[in-house]
């Protein structure tokens, strides 16, 4: 499978607890952090859940 790079672009402050846990599961704990994951349906679903806080980097 291909890999995607995910970058946190907005702060987690004020986000609901389930979205904070999703960011933790993705490995995003600080602003502007970039992580790389395989492009699986579960990862894409997690990204979709917090799409207002993250972006996919090319």
N, C-alpha and C. Protein backbone atom coordinates (compact mmCIF):
# COMPACT_ATOMS: atom_id res chain seq x y z
N UNK A 1 0.84 -1.19 0.00
CA UNK A 1 0.00 0.00 0.00
C UNK A 1 0.88 1.25 0.00
N UNK A 2 0.29 2.33 -0.43
CA UNK A 2 1.02 3.60 -0.44
C UNK A 2 0.99 4.23 0.95
N UNK A 3 1.86 5.17 1.16
CA UNK A 3 1.90 5.86 2.44
C UNK A 3 1.42 7.30 2.26
N UNK A 4 0.90 7.87 3.35
CA UNK A 4 0.49 9.27 3.34
C UNK A 4 1.17 9.97 4.50
N UNK A 5 1.43 11.24 4.32
CA UNK A 5 1.99 12.06 5.38
C UNK A 5 0.88 12.96 5.90
N UNK A 6 0.71 12.97 7.20
CA UNK A 6 -0.37 13.72 7.85
C UNK A 6 0.27 14.77 8.74
N UNK A 7 -0.19 16.03 8.62
CA UNK A 7 0.35 17.13 9.40
C UNK A 7 -0.76 17.77 10.21
N UNK A 8 -0.50 18.00 11.49
CA UNK A 8 -1.47 18.69 12.35
C UNK A 8 -1.33 20.18 12.11
N UNK A 9 -2.43 20.83 11.69
CA UNK A 9 -2.37 22.25 11.35
C UNK A 9 -3.10 23.13 12.34
N UNK A 10 -3.94 22.53 13.20
CA UNK A 10 -4.67 23.32 14.20
C UNK A 10 -4.49 22.68 15.56
N UNK A 11 -4.65 23.49 16.59
CA UNK A 11 -4.46 23.04 17.95
C UNK A 11 -5.58 22.10 18.39
N UNK A 12 -5.22 21.19 19.28
CA UNK A 12 -6.19 20.26 19.85
C UNK A 12 -6.95 20.86 21.02
N UNK A 13 -6.55 22.05 21.46
CA UNK A 13 -7.22 22.69 22.59
C UNK A 13 -8.67 22.99 22.19
N UNK A 14 -9.59 22.59 23.01
CA UNK A 14 -11.00 22.81 22.75
C UNK A 14 -11.66 21.71 21.95
N UNK A 15 -10.88 20.75 21.46
CA UNK A 15 -11.45 19.64 20.70
C UNK A 15 -12.05 18.62 21.68
N UNK A 16 -13.08 17.90 21.25
CA UNK A 16 -13.65 16.86 22.12
C UNK A 16 -12.63 15.77 22.44
N UNK A 17 -12.86 15.07 23.52
CA UNK A 17 -11.91 14.05 23.99
C UNK A 17 -11.69 12.95 22.96
N UNK A 18 -12.74 12.55 22.23
CA UNK A 18 -12.55 11.48 21.24
C UNK A 18 -11.66 11.92 20.09
N UNK A 19 -11.71 13.21 19.72
CA UNK A 19 -10.83 13.71 18.68
C UNK A 19 -9.39 13.82 19.17
N UNK A 20 -9.21 14.15 20.44
CA UNK A 20 -7.86 14.18 21.01
C UNK A 20 -7.26 12.77 21.02
N UNK A 21 -8.08 11.78 21.35
CA UNK A 21 -7.60 10.40 21.33
C UNK A 21 -7.27 9.95 19.91
N UNK A 22 -8.02 10.41 18.93
CA UNK A 22 -7.74 10.08 17.54
C UNK A 22 -6.40 10.68 17.12
N UNK A 23 -6.14 11.92 17.50
CA UNK A 23 -4.85 12.54 17.20
C UNK A 23 -3.72 11.77 17.86
N UNK A 24 -3.92 11.34 19.11
CA UNK A 24 -2.91 10.54 19.80
C UNK A 24 -2.65 9.23 19.06
N UNK A 25 -3.71 8.59 18.60
CA UNK A 25 -3.57 7.32 17.89
C UNK A 25 -2.82 7.50 16.57
N UNK A 26 -2.98 8.66 15.96
CA UNK A 26 -2.24 8.94 14.73
C UNK A 26 -0.78 9.33 15.01
N UNK A 27 -0.46 9.63 16.26
CA UNK A 27 0.90 10.02 16.61
C UNK A 27 1.11 11.52 16.54
N UNK A 28 0.04 12.29 16.52
CA UNK A 28 0.12 13.74 16.45
C UNK A 28 -0.12 14.33 17.83
N UNK A 29 0.94 14.81 18.45
CA UNK A 29 0.82 15.37 19.80
C UNK A 29 1.19 16.84 19.87
N UNK A 30 1.81 17.36 18.82
CA UNK A 30 2.20 18.77 18.80
C UNK A 30 1.80 19.38 17.46
N UNK A 31 1.61 20.67 17.48
CA UNK A 31 1.25 21.42 16.29
C UNK A 31 2.38 21.35 15.26
N UNK A 32 2.04 21.25 14.00
CA UNK A 32 2.96 21.19 12.86
C UNK A 32 3.78 19.91 12.82
N UNK A 33 3.43 18.91 13.60
CA UNK A 33 4.10 17.61 13.54
C UNK A 33 3.62 16.85 12.32
N UNK A 34 4.53 16.15 11.64
CA UNK A 34 4.19 15.36 10.46
C UNK A 34 4.50 13.90 10.77
N UNK A 35 3.53 13.03 10.50
CA UNK A 35 3.72 11.59 10.67
C UNK A 35 3.39 10.90 9.36
N UNK A 36 3.94 9.71 9.18
CA UNK A 36 3.72 8.95 7.96
C UNK A 36 3.07 7.62 8.33
N UNK A 37 1.97 7.31 7.65
CA UNK A 37 1.23 6.06 7.87
C UNK A 37 0.89 5.44 6.53
N UNK A 38 0.64 4.14 6.55
CA UNK A 38 0.13 3.48 5.35
C UNK A 38 -1.31 3.94 5.10
N UNK A 39 -1.66 3.99 3.86
CA UNK A 39 -2.98 4.47 3.47
C UNK A 39 -3.99 3.33 3.55
N UNK A 40 -4.40 2.99 4.79
CA UNK A 40 -5.39 1.94 5.00
C UNK A 40 -6.75 2.59 5.29
N UNK A 41 -7.83 1.84 5.13
CA UNK A 41 -9.15 2.41 5.42
C UNK A 41 -9.30 2.92 6.86
N UNK A 42 -8.66 2.24 7.81
CA UNK A 42 -8.78 2.68 9.20
C UNK A 42 -8.06 4.01 9.42
N UNK A 43 -6.88 4.18 8.84
CA UNK A 43 -6.14 5.44 8.97
C UNK A 43 -6.90 6.56 8.26
N UNK A 44 -7.43 6.29 7.08
CA UNK A 44 -8.18 7.31 6.35
C UNK A 44 -9.44 7.71 7.10
N UNK A 45 -10.07 6.78 7.78
CA UNK A 45 -11.23 7.09 8.60
C UNK A 45 -10.87 7.98 9.78
N UNK A 46 -9.70 7.72 10.39
CA UNK A 46 -9.24 8.55 11.49
C UNK A 46 -8.94 9.97 11.01
N UNK A 47 -8.32 10.07 9.84
CA UNK A 47 -8.02 11.39 9.26
C UNK A 47 -9.32 12.12 8.96
N UNK A 48 -10.30 11.41 8.45
CA UNK A 48 -11.59 12.04 8.13
C UNK A 48 -12.28 12.56 9.39
N UNK A 49 -12.10 11.88 10.51
CA UNK A 49 -12.73 12.29 11.76
C UNK A 49 -12.17 13.62 12.27
N UNK A 50 -10.88 13.86 12.03
CA UNK A 50 -10.24 15.09 12.51
C UNK A 50 -9.76 15.94 11.33
N UNK A 51 -10.50 15.91 10.23
CA UNK A 51 -10.06 16.61 9.02
C UNK A 51 -9.94 18.11 9.18
N UNK A 52 -10.61 18.69 10.18
CA UNK A 52 -10.51 20.12 10.43
C UNK A 52 -9.24 20.47 11.23
N UNK A 53 -8.54 19.47 11.74
CA UNK A 53 -7.32 19.70 12.52
C UNK A 53 -6.05 19.28 11.78
N UNK A 54 -6.19 18.48 10.73
CA UNK A 54 -5.02 17.94 10.03
C UNK A 54 -5.14 18.19 8.53
N UNK A 55 -4.02 17.98 7.86
CA UNK A 55 -3.99 18.02 6.40
C UNK A 55 -3.08 16.91 5.92
N UNK A 56 -3.29 16.48 4.68
CA UNK A 56 -2.41 15.47 4.08
C UNK A 56 -1.38 16.19 3.25
N UNK A 57 -0.11 15.93 3.55
CA UNK A 57 1.02 16.57 2.86
C UNK A 57 1.42 15.69 1.70
N UNK A 58 1.69 16.28 0.58
CA UNK A 58 2.13 15.54 -0.61
C UNK A 58 3.57 15.11 -0.49
